[in-house]
Amino acid sequence: MTEHGRLTGKVAIITGAGTGIGRACAVEFAREGASVLLVARRRERLEAVSRQIGAAALAFPADVTRPVDIVTIVETAKRNFGGIDVLVNSAAVLIAGTAETLSEEEWQETFDTNVRAVWQLSRAVLAPMRERGGGSIINLSSVLGLVGARNRAAYAASKGAVTLLTKAMALDHATEGIRVNCICPGIVDTEMVAPFIDKVPDPVSARREREALHPMNRFGVPEEIAKLAVYLASDESKWTTGAAFPIDGGYSAR
């Protein structure tokens, strides 16, 4: 499904690839010429994305919170595609709550998925990227990795950690040609966000209220985030590392 070729010859691992932003990144990367290893826990979602993309994609069901799965993800990408050039850490969970109302299990699940998995998979691709002469790690943080919000204590804390992990890794690996950047979306129309709109007494009002948080008065769509990820994966961004990119309809500009 190649159309433009900005990523021709590159191999990308994309987590959370069955839905939302991860899925959109997979489709856009393949359209731009990349080979993509699609990673998520739900096989049926991954296989649907793989069928849409075609031969450039391989569905690989795995749980990024399991260290043994991290190893097999990297080995599978190397074995099937010959190496790794790009990692997109998109898998995440969003559990609402304050510091007082969140359970220890909810806090742990948030950090295991949103932070520890990002760290472990990022470090696992460093050696394969060195073998290729460099690479690009793209972390999906959040606008709440830059500013706070009510009832998002664990999520905001985890995404703040992702933002600063991005910057620290960028400094550690800049001389190796390994770039590390993060994207900080506002509210994007995805399956992860939907329950916070659809499962309340007045979904119309809930959506309107959250849209109004953005000066552009709408949610983003996954394809808009994927376009930025393509840029960060491509050679067009060769002098870009350690950056946190808000793409949030003006949310963080207030």
C-alpha atoms as a PDB file:
ATOM      1  CA  MET A   1       0.000   0.000   0.000  1.00  0.00           C
ATOM      2  CA  THR A   2       2.990   2.309  -0.489  1.00  0.00           C
ATOM      3  CA  GLU A   3       2.073   5.701  -1.933  1.00  0.00           C
ATOM      4  CA  HIS A   4       4.739   8.220  -0.964  1.00  0.00           C
ATOM      5  CA  GLY A   5       7.826   6.380   0.254  1.00  0.00           C
ATOM      6  CA  ARG A   6       9.041   8.661   3.051  1.00  0.00           C
ATOM      7  CA  LEU A   7       9.761   5.538   5.131  1.00  0.00           C
ATOM      8  CA  THR A   8      10.823   3.169   2.367  1.00  0.00           C
ATOM      9  CA  GLY A   9      13.253   0.563   3.670  1.00  0.00           C
ATOM     10  CA  LYS A  10      12.535   1.224   7.339  1.00  0.00           C
ATOM     11  CA  VAL A  11      11.291  -1.360   9.827  1.00  0.00           C
ATOM     12  CA  ALA A  12       8.990  -0.201  12.612  1.00  0.00           C
ATOM     13  CA  ILE A  13       7.604  -1.820  15.746  1.00  0.00           C
ATOM     14  CA  ILE A  14       4.281  -0.242  16.732  1.00  0.00           C
ATOM     15  CA  THR A  15       2.611  -1.118  20.021  1.00  0.00           C
ATOM     16  CA  GLY A  16      -1.073  -0.607  20.637  1.00  0.00           C
ATOM     17  CA  ALA A  17      -1.440  -1.190  16.911  1.00  0.00           C
ATOM     18  CA  GLY A  18      -4.878  -2.764  16.990  1.00  0.00           C
ATOM     19  CA  THR A  19      -6.821   0.427  17.660  1.00  0.00           C
ATOM     20  CA  GLY A  20      -6.678   4.196  17.827  1.00  0.00           C
ATOM     21  CA  ILE A  21      -3.424   6.071  17.371  1.00  0.00           C
ATOM     22  CA  GLY A  22      -1.315   2.910  17.131  1.00  0.00           C
ATOM     23  CA  ARG A  23      -3.478   1.559  14.341  1.00  0.00           C
ATOM     24  CA  ALA A  24      -3.368   4.868  12.473  1.00  0.00           C
ATOM     25  CA  CYS A  25       0.430   4.945  12.788  1.00  0.00           C
ATOM     26  CA  ALA A  26       0.672   1.417  11.386  1.00  0.00           C
ATOM     27  CA  VAL A  27      -1.451   2.293   8.355  1.00  0.00           C
ATOM     28  CA  GLU A  28       0.400   5.550   7.671  1.00  0.00           C
ATOM     29  CA  PHE A  29       3.831   3.973   8.115  1.00  0.00           C
ATOM     30  CA  ALA A  30       3.009   1.202   5.663  1.00  0.00           C
ATOM     31  CA  ARG A  31       1.586   3.727   3.209  1.00  0.00           C
ATOM     32  CA  GLU A  32       4.918   5.546   3.400  1.00  0.00           C
ATOM     33  CA  GLY A  33       6.857   2.366   2.628  1.00  0.00           C
ATOM     34  CA  ALA A  34       7.770   0.922   6.032  1.00  0.00           C
ATOM     35  CA  SER A  35       7.523  -2.693   7.109  1.00  0.00           C
ATOM     36  CA  VAL A  36       5.585  -2.804  10.384  1.00  0.00           C
ATOM     37  CA  LEU A  37       5.389  -5.271  13.259  1.00  0.00           C
ATOM     38  CA  LEU A  38       1.961  -4.780  14.811  1.00  0.00           C
ATOM     39  CA  VAL A  39       1.897  -5.407  18.551  1.00  0.00           C
ATOM     40  CA  ALA A  40      -1.105  -5.543  20.888  1.00  0.00           C
ATOM     41  CA  ARG A  41      -2.863  -8.065  23.129  1.00  0.00           C
ATOM     42  CA  ARG A  42      -5.971  -8.685  20.995  1.00  0.00           C
ATOM     43  CA  ARG A  43      -5.155 -10.931  18.054  1.00  0.00           C
ATOM     44  CA  GLU A  44      -8.361 -10.280  16.107  1.00  0.00           C
ATOM     45  CA  ARG A  45      -7.804  -6.512  16.065  1.00  0.00           C
ATOM     46  CA  LEU A  46      -4.205  -6.898  14.938  1.00  0.00           C
ATOM     47  CA  GLU A  47      -5.072  -9.334  12.187  1.00  0.00           C
ATOM     48  CA  ALA A  48      -7.716  -6.954  10.842  1.00  0.00           C
ATOM     49  CA  VAL A  49      -5.121  -4.175  10.618  1.00  0.00           C
ATOM     50  CA  SER A  50      -2.618  -6.557   9.059  1.00  0.00           C
ATOM     51  CA  ARG A  51      -5.123  -7.571   6.381  1.00  0.00           C
ATOM     52  CA  GLN A  52      -5.818  -3.917   5.612  1.00  0.00           C
ATOM     53  CA  ILE A  53      -2.112  -3.145   5.183  1.00  0.00           C
ATOM     54  CA  GLY A  54      -1.056  -6.291   3.347  1.00  0.00           C
ATOM     55  CA  ALA A  55       2.364  -7.894   3.019  1.00  0.00           C
ATOM     56  CA  ALA A  56       4.216  -5.031   4.710  1.00  0.00           C
ATOM     57  CA  ALA A  57       2.611  -5.870   8.085  1.00  0.00           C
ATOM     58  CA  LEU A  58       2.983  -8.717  10.533  1.00  0.00           C
ATOM     59  CA  ALA A  59       0.544  -9.109  13.430  1.00  0.00           C
ATOM     60  CA  PHE A  60       2.237 -10.204  16.638  1.00  0.00           C
ATOM     61  CA  PRO A  61      -0.035 -10.528  19.695  1.00  0.00           C
ATOM     62  CA  ALA A  62       1.936  -9.734  22.846  1.00  0.00           C
ATOM     63  CA  ASP A  63       1.654  -8.034  26.212  1.00  0.00           C
ATOM     64  CA  VAL A  64       4.173  -5.215  26.586  1.00  0.00           C
ATOM     65  CA  THR A  65       3.967  -5.438  30.384  1.00  0.00           C
ATOM     66  CA  ARG A  66       5.578  -8.910  30.243  1.00  0.00           C
ATOM     67  CA  PRO A  67       9.401  -8.822  29.992  1.00  0.00           C
ATOM     68  CA  VAL A  68       9.444 -12.164  28.150  1.00  0.00           C
ATOM     69  CA  ASP A  69       7.169 -10.666  25.492  1.00  0.00           C
ATOM     70  CA  ILE A  70       9.496  -7.679  25.093  1.00  0.00           C
ATOM     71  CA  VAL A  71      12.282 -10.071  24.088  1.00  0.00           C
ATOM     72  CA  THR A  72      10.127 -11.929  21.574  1.00  0.00           C
ATOM     73  CA  ILE A  73       8.827  -8.689  20.030  1.00  0.00           C
ATOM     74  CA  VAL A  74      12.363  -7.558  19.225  1.00  0.00           C
ATOM     75  CA  GLU A  75      13.465 -11.000  18.033  1.00  0.00           C
ATOM     76  CA  THR A  76      10.414 -11.288  15.782  1.00  0.00           C
ATOM     77  CA  ALA A  77      11.065  -7.918  14.131  1.00  0.00           C
ATOM     78  CA  LYS A  78      14.696  -8.803  13.484  1.00  0.00           C
ATOM     79  CA  ARG A  79      13.926 -12.294  12.211  1.00  0.00           C
ATOM     80  CA  ASN A  80      11.119 -11.283   9.859  1.00  0.00           C
ATOM     81  CA  PHE A  81      12.310  -7.875   8.651  1.00  0.00           C
ATOM     82  CA  GLY A  82      16.073  -7.924   9.174  1.00  0.00           C
ATOM     83  CA  GLY A  83      16.391  -5.189  11.772  1.00  0.00           C
ATOM     84  CA  ILE A  84      14.683  -2.322  13.590  1.00  0.00           C
ATOM     85  CA  ASP A  85      14.731   1.352  12.623  1.00  0.00           C
ATOM     86  CA  VAL A  86      11.709   2.779  14.436  1.00  0.00           C
ATOM     87  CA  LEU A  87       9.807   2.068  17.634  1.00  0.00           C
ATOM     88  CA  VAL A  88       6.430   3.657  18.326  1.00  0.00           C
ATOM     89  CA  ASN A  89       5.372   3.175  21.949  1.00  0.00           C
ATOM     90  CA  SER A  90       1.625   3.712  21.662  1.00  0.00           C
ATOM     91  CA  ALA A  91       0.153   1.117  24.027  1.00  0.00           C
ATOM     92  CA  ALA A  92      -1.401   2.751  27.094  1.00  0.00           C
ATOM     93  CA  VAL A  93      -4.177   2.592  29.662  1.00  0.00           C
ATOM     94  CA  LEU A  94      -6.282   5.434  31.071  1.00  0.00           C
ATOM     95  CA  ILE A  95      -7.783   4.907  34.520  1.00  0.00           C
ATOM     96  CA  ALA A  96      -9.578   7.870  36.042  1.00  0.00           C
ATOM     97  CA  GLY A  97      -9.086   8.795  39.673  1.00  0.00           C
ATOM     98  CA  THR A  98      -7.493  11.110  42.185  1.00  0.00           C
ATOM     99  CA  ALA A  99      -4.522  10.286  44.391  1.00  0.00           C
ATOM    100  CA  GLU A 100      -7.053   9.420  47.082  1.00  0.00           C
ATOM    101  CA  THR A 101      -9.504   7.313  45.061  1.00  0.00           C
ATOM    102  CA  LEU A 102      -7.120   5.263  42.919  1.00  0.00           C
ATOM    103  CA  SER A 103      -6.341   1.793  44.190  1.00  0.00           C
ATOM    104  CA  GLU A 104      -2.787   0.493  44.405  1.00  0.00           C
ATOM    105  CA  GLU A 105      -3.650  -1.999  41.656  1.00  0.00           C
ATOM    106  CA  GLU A 106      -4.875   0.769  39.336  1.00  0.00           C
ATOM    107  CA  TRP A 107      -1.763   2.834  39.981  1.00  0.00           C
ATOM    108  CA  GLN A 108       0.471  -0.154  39.321  1.00  0.00           C
ATOM    109  CA  GLU A 109      -1.360  -1.129  36.124  1.00  0.00           C
ATOM    110  CA  THR A 110      -1.021   2.426  34.834  1.00  0.00           C
ATOM    111  CA  PHE A 111       2.718   2.591  35.444  1.00  0.00           C
ATOM    112  CA  ASP A 112       3.393  -0.950  34.260  1.00  0.00           C
ATOM    113  CA  THR A 113       1.767  -0.213  30.896  1.00  0.00           C
ATOM    114  CA  ASN A 114       2.450   3.478  30.381  1.00  0.00           C
ATOM    115  CA  VAL A 115       5.989   3.744  31.773  1.00  0.00           C
ATOM    116  CA  ARG A 116       7.761   0.469  32.534  1.00  0.00           C
ATOM    117  CA  ALA A 117       6.812  -1.097  29.198  1.00  0.00           C
ATOM    118  CA  VAL A 118       7.995   2.018  27.342  1.00  0.00           C
ATOM    119  CA  TRP A 119      11.328   1.884  29.164  1.00  0.00           C
ATOM    120  CA  GLN A 120      11.828  -1.839  28.651  1.00  0.00           C
ATOM    121  CA  LEU A 121      10.938  -1.918  24.969  1.00  0.00           C
ATOM    122  CA  SER A 122      12.932   1.242  24.278  1.00  0.00           C
ATOM    123  CA  ARG A 123      16.082  -0.169  25.823  1.00  0.00           C
ATOM    124  CA  ALA A 124      15.527  -3.481  24.037  1.00  0.00           C
ATOM    125  CA  VAL A 125      15.682  -1.834  20.596  1.00  0.00           C
ATOM    126  CA  LEU A 126      18.847   0.167  21.253  1.00  0.00           C
ATOM    127  CA  ALA A 127      21.269  -2.560  20.184  1.00  0.00           C
ATOM    128  CA  PRO A 128      19.380  -3.397  16.952  1.00  0.00           C
ATOM    129  CA  MET A 129      19.211   0.306  16.129  1.00  0.00           C
ATOM    130  CA  ARG A 130      22.957   0.686  16.673  1.00  0.00           C
ATOM    131  CA  GLU A 131      23.469  -2.156  14.211  1.00  0.00           C
ATOM    132  CA  ARG A 132      21.518  -0.117  11.626  1.00  0.00           C
ATOM    133  CA  GLY A 133      23.511   3.045  12.326  1.00  0.00           C
ATOM    134  CA  GLY A 134      20.740   4.770  14.270  1.00  0.00           C
ATOM    135  CA  GLY A 135      17.007   4.886  14.690  1.00  0.00           C
ATOM    136  CA  SER A 136      13.980   6.737  15.979  1.00  0.00           C
ATOM    137  CA  ILE A 137      12.014   6.036  19.161  1.00  0.00           C
ATOM    138  CA  ILE A 138       8.640   7.771  19.269  1.00  0.00           C
ATOM    139  CA  ASN A 139       6.774   7.749  22.559  1.00  0.00           C
ATOM    140  CA  LEU A 140       3.105   8.572  22.807  1.00  0.00           C
ATOM    141  CA  SER A 141       2.904  10.796  25.850  1.00  0.00           C
ATOM    142  CA  SER A 142      -0.053  13.157  26.301  1.00  0.00           C
ATOM    143  CA  VAL A 143      -0.890  16.792  26.810  1.00  0.00           C
ATOM    144  CA  LEU A 144      -1.320  15.561  30.397  1.00  0.00           C
ATOM    145  CA  GLY A 145       2.386  14.781  30.331  1.00  0.00           C
ATOM    146  CA  LEU A 146       2.838  18.552  30.120  1.00  0.00           C
ATOM    147  CA  VAL A 147      -0.023  19.939  32.225  1.00  0.00           C
ATOM    148  CA  GLY A 148      -2.285  18.523  34.917  1.00  0.00           C
ATOM    149  CA  ALA A 149      -5.989  17.708  34.932  1.00  0.00           C
ATOM    150  CA  ARG A 150      -8.562  16.775  37.522  1.00  0.00           C
ATOM    151  CA  ASN A 151      -9.227  13.091  38.179  1.00  0.00           C
ATOM    152  CA  ARG A 152      -6.205  11.931  36.187  1.00  0.00           C
ATOM    153  CA  ALA A 153      -3.574  11.514  38.909  1.00  0.00           C
ATOM    154  CA  ALA A 154      -2.068   8.217  37.750  1.00  0.00           C
ATOM    155  CA  TYR A 155      -2.423   8.906  34.037  1.00  0.00           C
ATOM    156  CA  ALA A 156      -0.885  12.385  34.215  1.00  0.00           C
ATOM    157  CA  ALA A 157       1.936  11.156  36.445  1.00  0.00           C
ATOM    158  CA  SER A 158       2.687   8.290  34.060  1.00  0.00           C
ATOM    159  CA  LYS A 159       2.675  10.497  30.988  1.00  0.00           C
ATOM    160  CA  GLY A 160       4.867  13.066  32.726  1.00  0.00           C
ATOM    161  CA  ALA A 161       7.312  10.223  33.309  1.00  0.00           C
ATOM    162  CA  VAL A 162       7.182   9.299  29.618  1.00  0.00           C
ATOM    163  CA  THR A 163       7.940  12.893  28.628  1.00  0.00           C
ATOM    164  CA  LEU A 164      11.025  13.095  30.864  1.00  0.00           C
ATOM    165  CA  LEU A 165      12.160   9.572  29.991  1.00  0.00           C
ATOM    166  CA  THR A 166      12.069  10.722  26.367  1.00  0.00           C
ATOM    167  CA  LYS A 167      14.321  13.680  27.084  1.00  0.00           C
ATOM    168  CA  ALA A 168      16.767  11.689  29.206  1.00  0.00           C
ATOM    169  CA  MET A 169      17.112   8.923  26.605  1.00  0.00           C
ATOM    170  CA  ALA A 170      17.539  11.505  23.859  1.00  0.00           C
ATOM    171  CA  LEU A 171      20.577  12.905  25.673  1.00  0.00           C
ATOM    172  CA  ASP A 172      21.995   9.460  26.420  1.00  0.00           C
ATOM    173  CA  HIS A 173      21.841   8.234  22.811  1.00  0.00           C
ATOM    174  CA  ALA A 174      22.156  11.348  20.645  1.00  0.00           C
ATOM    175  CA  THR A 175      25.738  10.581  19.616  1.00  0.00           C
ATOM    176  CA  GLU A 176      24.682   7.112  18.450  1.00  0.00           C
ATOM    177  CA  GLY A 177      22.234   8.479  15.912  1.00  0.00           C
ATOM    178  CA  ILE A 178      19.286   7.216  17.955  1.00  0.00           C
ATOM    179  CA  ARG A 179      16.660   9.936  18.239  1.00  0.00           C
ATOM    180  CA  VAL A 180      14.003   9.885  20.960  1.00  0.00           C
ATOM    181  CA  ASN A 181      10.964  12.158  20.806  1.00  0.00           C
ATOM    182  CA  CYS A 182       7.450  12.134  22.169  1.00  0.00           C
ATOM    183  CA  ILE A 183       4.068  13.241  20.913  1.00  0.00           C
ATOM    184  CA  CYS A 184       1.674  14.837  23.401  1.00  0.00           C
ATOM    185  CA  PRO A 185      -1.886  14.637  22.037  1.00  0.00           C
ATOM    186  CA  GLY A 186      -4.914  16.297  23.497  1.00  0.00           C
ATOM    187  CA  ILE A 187      -8.155  14.325  23.518  1.00  0.00           C
ATOM    188  CA  VAL A 188      -8.269  12.121  20.437  1.00  0.00           C
ATOM    189  CA  ASP A 189     -11.339  10.211  19.235  1.00  0.00           C
ATOM    190  CA  THR A 190     -10.245   6.678  20.138  1.00  0.00           C
ATOM    191  CA  GLU A 191     -11.591   3.558  21.783  1.00  0.00           C
ATOM    192  CA  MET A 192      -9.678   4.475  24.953  1.00  0.00           C
ATOM    193  CA  VAL A 193     -11.475   7.803  25.270  1.00  0.00           C
ATOM    194  CA  ALA A 194     -14.939   6.602  24.218  1.00  0.00           C
ATOM    195  CA  PRO A 195     -16.068   5.172  27.594  1.00  0.00           C
ATOM    196  CA  PHE A 196     -15.518   8.543  29.270  1.00  0.00           C
ATOM    197  CA  ILE A 197     -18.029  10.032  26.821  1.00  0.00           C
ATOM    198  CA  ASP A 198     -20.461   7.250  25.998  1.00  0.00           C
ATOM    199  CA  LYS A 199     -20.956   5.706  29.433  1.00  0.00           C
ATOM    200  CA  VAL A 200     -22.111   8.786  31.328  1.00  0.00           C
ATOM    201  CA  PRO A 201     -25.700   9.954  31.849  1.00  0.00           C
ATOM    202  CA  ASP A 202     -25.420  12.755  29.273  1.00  0.00           C
ATOM    203  CA  PRO A 203     -22.890  11.825  26.560  1.00  0.00           C
ATOM    204  CA  VAL A 204     -23.702  14.860  24.397  1.00  0.00           C
ATOM    205  CA  SER A 205     -22.921  17.291  27.193  1.00  0.00           C
ATOM    206  CA  ALA A 206     -19.845  15.305  28.227  1.00  0.00           C
ATOM    207  CA  ARG A 207     -18.434  15.459  24.719  1.00  0.00           C
ATOM    208  CA  ARG A 208     -19.225  19.143  24.333  1.00  0.00           C
ATOM    209  CA  GLU A 209     -17.550  19.929  27.658  1.00  0.00           C
ATOM    210  CA  ARG A 210     -14.373  18.093  26.718  1.00  0.00           C
ATOM    211  CA  GLU A 211     -14.244  19.516  23.215  1.00  0.00           C
ATOM    212  CA  ALA A 212     -14.415  22.983  24.741  1.00  0.00           C
ATOM    213  CA  LEU A 213     -11.122  22.325  26.550  1.00  0.00           C
ATOM    214  CA  HIS A 214      -9.483  22.712  23.131  1.00  0.00           C
ATOM    215  CA  PRO A 215      -9.520  26.211  21.554  1.00  0.00           C
ATOM    216  CA  MET A 216     -10.213  24.551  18.187  1.00  0.00           C
ATOM    217  CA  ASN A 217     -13.350  23.119  19.826  1.00  0.00           C
ATOM    218  CA  ARG A 218     -13.002  19.521  18.635  1.00  0.00           C
ATOM    219  CA  PHE A 219     -11.217  16.289  19.388  1.00  0.00           C
ATOM    220  CA  GLY A 220      -8.284  15.182  17.309  1.00  0.00           C
ATOM    221  CA  VAL A 221      -8.426  12.129  15.085  1.00  0.00           C
ATOM    222  CA  PRO A 222      -5.803   9.363  15.127  1.00  0.00           C
ATOM    223  CA  GLU A 223      -4.620  10.078  11.585  1.00  0.00           C
ATOM    224  CA  GLU A 224      -3.540  13.579  12.618  1.00  0.00           C
ATOM    225  CA  ILE A 225      -1.243  12.113  15.258  1.00  0.00           C
ATOM    226  CA  ALA A 226       0.064   9.495  12.841  1.00  0.00           C
ATOM    227  CA  LYS A 227       1.181  12.173  10.375  1.00  0.00           C
ATOM    228  CA  LEU A 228       3.490  13.648  13.023  1.00  0.00           C
ATOM    229  CA  ALA A 229       4.788  10.180  13.873  1.00  0.00           C
ATOM    230  CA  VAL A 230       5.694   9.648  10.205  1.00  0.00           C
ATOM    231  CA  TYR A 231       7.737  12.859  10.260  1.00  0.00           C
ATOM    232  CA  LEU A 232       9.568  11.777  13.423  1.00  0.00           C
ATOM    233  CA  ALA A 233      10.273   8.353  11.928  1.00  0.00           C
ATOM    234  CA  SER A 234      11.552   9.774   8.659  1.00  0.00           C
ATOM    235  CA  ASP A 235      14.907  11.250   7.724  1.00  0.00           C
ATOM    236  CA  GLU A 236      13.199  14.642   7.515  1.00  0.00           C
ATOM    237  CA  SER A 237      13.602  14.888  11.299  1.00  0.00           C
ATOM    238  CA  LYS A 238      17.268  13.856  11.479  1.00  0.00           C
ATOM    239  CA  TRP A 239      18.157  16.858  13.703  1.00  0.00           C
ATOM    240  CA  THR A 240      15.167  16.423  16.014  1.00  0.00           C
ATOM    241  CA  THR A 241      15.616  14.671  19.342  1.00  0.00           C
ATOM    242  CA  GLY A 242      14.500  15.180  22.928  1.00  0.00           C
ATOM    243  CA  ALA A 243      11.407  17.089  21.843  1.00  0.00           C
ATOM    244  CA  ALA A 244       7.877  16.863  23.218  1.00  0.00           C
ATOM    245  CA  PHE A 245       5.362  17.851  20.553  1.00  0.00           C
ATOM    246  CA  PRO A 246       1.917  19.038  21.693  1.00  0.00           C
ATOM    247  CA  ILE A 247      -0.707  18.247  19.090  1.00  0.00           C
ATOM    248  CA  ASP A 248      -3.792  19.240  20.990  1.00  0.00           C
ATOM    249  CA  GLY A 249      -5.945  21.817  19.220  1.00  0.00           C
ATOM    250  CA  GLY A 250      -4.462  24.525  21.454  1.00  0.00           C
ATOM    251  CA  TYR A 251      -5.189  22.782  24.793  1.00  0.00           C
ATOM    252  CA  SER A 252      -1.725  23.430  26.254  1.00  0.00           C
ATOM    253  CA  ALA A 253      -1.510  26.996  24.940  1.00  0.00           C
ATOM    254  CA  ARG A 254      -3.949  28.346  27.517  1.00  0.00           C
END
